[in-house]
Structure formats: C-alpha cells, structure tokens
Amino acid sequence: MEKAIALLEVQALTAAIEGLDAMLKAANVRLVHVEKRLGGRLVTIVVDGTVSDVTAAAEAGKIAAA
C-alpha cells in the first residue's frame, strides 16, 4: 500500500478548518501538520494516507475551503 501526502493552503483560518473537516470526513486520512503564517492569515494543512484516500480528501478539502 503506497502512502501519499496532501497539502491544503488557504488564506484564512476559518476556511482551513472547514477544509480540514471535509478532508477528514471524506476519506481515511490523518492530520500530520498545521502551519500558520502571517498571524493565521495563511494556513497550510498536511494530511497523509493512501494515494486514493489522499486524492479524495484533497478534492473535498479544496471544494469546502473555496
């Protein structure tokens, strides 16, 4: 089973939380790291899991954070 990571980078903490929630509910992925820059205005979320799970989670997070 191959592992992969997905990065979700958004410009607001609220959007990052909404995106992360969608990612965790959409697939079997694990939160690895959260990095806040510029006082929380730029947030990067890193999740990992299998390739198919990460792909599904990334798509769900992108849609939710938009």
N, C-alpha and C. Protein backbone atom coordinates (compact mmCIF):
# COMPACT_ATOMS: atom_id res chain seq x y z
N MET A 1 0.84 -1.17 0.00
CA MET A 1 0.00 0.00 0.00
C MET A 1 0.89 1.24 0.00
N GLU A 2 0.74 2.10 -1.00
CA GLU A 2 1.56 3.29 -1.10
C GLU A 2 0.96 4.43 -0.30
N LYS A 3 1.83 5.22 0.30
CA LYS A 3 1.41 6.36 1.11
C LYS A 3 1.61 7.64 0.32
N ALA A 4 0.84 8.67 0.65
CA ALA A 4 0.94 9.96 0.00
C ALA A 4 0.59 11.04 1.01
N ILE A 5 0.91 12.29 0.67
CA ILE A 5 0.50 13.43 1.48
C ILE A 5 -0.25 14.42 0.60
N ALA A 6 -1.08 15.21 1.23
CA ALA A 6 -1.79 16.29 0.54
C ALA A 6 -1.61 17.56 1.35
N LEU A 7 -1.43 18.66 0.64
CA LEU A 7 -1.31 19.97 1.25
C LEU A 7 -2.51 20.81 0.86
N LEU A 8 -3.10 21.48 1.84
CA LEU A 8 -4.17 22.42 1.60
C LEU A 8 -3.72 23.75 2.15
N GLU A 9 -3.56 24.75 1.29
CA GLU A 9 -3.09 26.05 1.74
C GLU A 9 -4.17 27.07 1.41
N VAL A 10 -4.65 27.75 2.44
CA VAL A 10 -5.72 28.73 2.27
C VAL A 10 -5.36 30.02 2.99
N GLN A 11 -6.13 31.06 2.73
CA GLN A 11 -5.79 32.37 3.26
C GLN A 11 -6.59 32.78 4.49
N ALA A 12 -7.24 31.87 5.14
CA ALA A 12 -7.97 32.20 6.37
C ALA A 12 -8.07 30.96 7.25
N LEU A 13 -7.98 31.16 8.54
CA LEU A 13 -8.05 30.05 9.48
C LEU A 13 -9.40 29.35 9.43
N THR A 14 -10.47 30.10 9.28
CA THR A 14 -11.80 29.51 9.21
C THR A 14 -11.94 28.60 7.99
N ALA A 15 -11.46 29.05 6.85
CA ALA A 15 -11.51 28.22 5.64
C ALA A 15 -10.65 26.98 5.79
N ALA A 16 -9.52 27.10 6.48
CA ALA A 16 -8.65 25.95 6.71
C ALA A 16 -9.34 24.90 7.57
N ILE A 17 -10.05 25.34 8.58
CA ILE A 17 -10.76 24.41 9.46
C ILE A 17 -11.89 23.72 8.69
N GLU A 18 -12.61 24.48 7.87
CA GLU A 18 -13.68 23.88 7.07
C GLU A 18 -13.10 22.86 6.08
N GLY A 19 -11.99 23.20 5.46
CA GLY A 19 -11.35 22.28 4.53
C GLY A 19 -10.85 21.02 5.21
N LEU A 20 -10.23 21.18 6.38
CA LEU A 20 -9.74 20.03 7.14
C LEU A 20 -10.89 19.13 7.56
N ASP A 21 -11.98 19.71 8.00
CA ASP A 21 -13.14 18.92 8.40
C ASP A 21 -13.64 18.08 7.24
N ALA A 22 -13.73 18.69 6.07
CA ALA A 22 -14.19 17.95 4.88
C ALA A 22 -13.20 16.86 4.51
N MET A 23 -11.91 17.14 4.62
CA MET A 23 -10.89 16.14 4.27
C MET A 23 -10.97 14.92 5.19
N LEU A 24 -11.11 15.16 6.48
CA LEU A 24 -11.14 14.05 7.44
C LEU A 24 -12.41 13.23 7.32
N LYS A 25 -13.51 13.88 6.93
CA LYS A 25 -14.77 13.15 6.77
C LYS A 25 -14.86 12.41 5.45
N ALA A 26 -14.14 12.88 4.42
CA ALA A 26 -14.25 12.30 3.09
C ALA A 26 -13.47 11.00 2.94
N ALA A 27 -12.37 10.86 3.67
CA ALA A 27 -11.52 9.69 3.46
C ALA A 27 -10.75 9.36 4.74
N ASN A 28 -10.09 8.22 4.71
CA ASN A 28 -9.32 7.75 5.85
C ASN A 28 -7.91 8.36 5.79
N VAL A 29 -7.81 9.63 6.21
CA VAL A 29 -6.53 10.34 6.23
C VAL A 29 -6.25 10.79 7.66
N ARG A 30 -5.00 11.17 7.88
CA ARG A 30 -4.55 11.57 9.23
C ARG A 30 -3.91 12.94 9.14
N LEU A 31 -4.28 13.83 10.06
CA LEU A 31 -3.68 15.16 10.13
C LEU A 31 -2.24 15.02 10.60
N VAL A 32 -1.30 15.57 9.82
CA VAL A 32 0.11 15.48 10.15
C VAL A 32 0.63 16.78 10.72
N HIS A 33 0.26 17.90 10.09
CA HIS A 33 0.85 19.17 10.50
C HIS A 33 -0.07 20.33 10.10
N VAL A 34 -0.08 21.36 10.93
CA VAL A 34 -0.76 22.62 10.63
C VAL A 34 0.25 23.73 10.84
N GLU A 35 0.38 24.58 9.84
CA GLU A 35 1.33 25.69 9.95
C GLU A 35 0.59 26.99 9.67
N LYS A 36 0.70 27.94 10.60
CA LYS A 36 0.07 29.24 10.44
C LYS A 36 1.14 30.30 10.22
N ARG A 37 0.95 31.10 9.19
CA ARG A 37 1.86 32.20 8.89
C ARG A 37 1.07 33.49 8.80
N LEU A 38 1.76 34.58 8.96
CA LEU A 38 1.16 35.91 8.86
C LEU A 38 0.01 36.07 9.84
N GLY A 39 0.20 35.61 11.04
CA GLY A 39 -0.83 35.75 12.08
C GLY A 39 -2.08 34.93 11.84
N GLY A 40 -1.95 33.82 11.13
CA GLY A 40 -3.11 32.97 10.87
C GLY A 40 -3.82 33.29 9.58
N ARG A 41 -3.31 34.26 8.82
CA ARG A 41 -3.96 34.61 7.55
C ARG A 41 -3.60 33.64 6.44
N LEU A 42 -2.49 32.93 6.56
CA LEU A 42 -2.10 31.92 5.59
C LEU A 42 -1.89 30.61 6.36
N VAL A 43 -2.69 29.62 6.08
CA VAL A 43 -2.67 28.37 6.84
C VAL A 43 -2.43 27.21 5.88
N THR A 44 -1.48 26.35 6.23
CA THR A 44 -1.18 25.15 5.46
C THR A 44 -1.49 23.92 6.31
N ILE A 45 -2.25 23.00 5.74
CA ILE A 45 -2.63 21.76 6.42
C ILE A 45 -2.03 20.60 5.64
N VAL A 46 -1.43 19.65 6.35
CA VAL A 46 -0.83 18.47 5.72
C VAL A 46 -1.52 17.24 6.28
N VAL A 47 -2.02 16.38 5.38
CA VAL A 47 -2.62 15.11 5.77
C VAL A 47 -1.91 13.99 5.03
N ASP A 48 -1.96 12.78 5.58
CA ASP A 48 -1.39 11.63 4.88
C ASP A 48 -2.33 10.45 4.94
N GLY A 49 -2.07 9.49 4.04
CA GLY A 49 -2.87 8.29 3.93
C GLY A 49 -2.51 7.58 2.64
N THR A 50 -3.36 6.68 2.21
CA THR A 50 -3.11 6.01 0.93
C THR A 50 -3.36 6.99 -0.21
N VAL A 51 -2.86 6.66 -1.38
CA VAL A 51 -2.96 7.56 -2.52
C VAL A 51 -4.42 7.87 -2.85
N SER A 52 -5.27 6.88 -2.89
CA SER A 52 -6.67 7.11 -3.23
C SER A 52 -7.39 7.92 -2.16
N ASP A 53 -7.10 7.65 -0.89
CA ASP A 53 -7.72 8.41 0.19
C ASP A 53 -7.26 9.87 0.18
N VAL A 54 -5.97 10.09 -0.05
CA VAL A 54 -5.43 11.45 -0.07
C VAL A 54 -6.01 12.23 -1.24
N THR A 55 -6.16 11.58 -2.38
CA THR A 55 -6.74 12.25 -3.54
C THR A 55 -8.18 12.67 -3.27
N ALA A 56 -8.97 11.78 -2.70
CA ALA A 56 -10.36 12.10 -2.37
C ALA A 56 -10.44 13.20 -1.32
N ALA A 57 -9.57 13.14 -0.32
CA ALA A 57 -9.56 14.15 0.73
C ALA A 57 -9.15 15.51 0.19
N ALA A 58 -8.16 15.55 -0.69
CA ALA A 58 -7.71 16.81 -1.25
C ALA A 58 -8.82 17.48 -2.07
N GLU A 59 -9.54 16.71 -2.85
CA GLU A 59 -10.64 17.27 -3.64
C GLU A 59 -11.74 17.81 -2.72
N ALA A 60 -12.09 17.05 -1.68
CA ALA A 60 -13.13 17.50 -0.76
C ALA A 60 -12.69 18.75 0.00
N GLY A 61 -11.44 18.80 0.42
CA GLY A 61 -10.93 19.97 1.14
C GLY A 61 -10.88 21.19 0.26
N LYS A 62 -10.51 21.02 -1.00
CA LYS A 62 -10.45 22.15 -1.94
C LYS A 62 -11.83 22.75 -2.16
N ILE A 63 -12.81 21.90 -2.32
CA ILE A 63 -14.19 22.37 -2.54
C ILE A 63 -14.73 23.06 -1.30
N ALA A 64 -14.50 22.49 -0.13
CA ALA A 64 -15.02 23.06 1.11
C ALA A 64 -14.35 24.37 1.48
N ALA A 65 -13.07 24.49 1.21
CA ALA A 65 -12.34 25.71 1.58
C ALA A 65 -12.58 26.86 0.62
N ALA A 66 -13.07 26.53 -0.57
CA ALA A 66 -13.33 27.59 -1.55
C ALA A 66 -14.57 28.34 -1.13
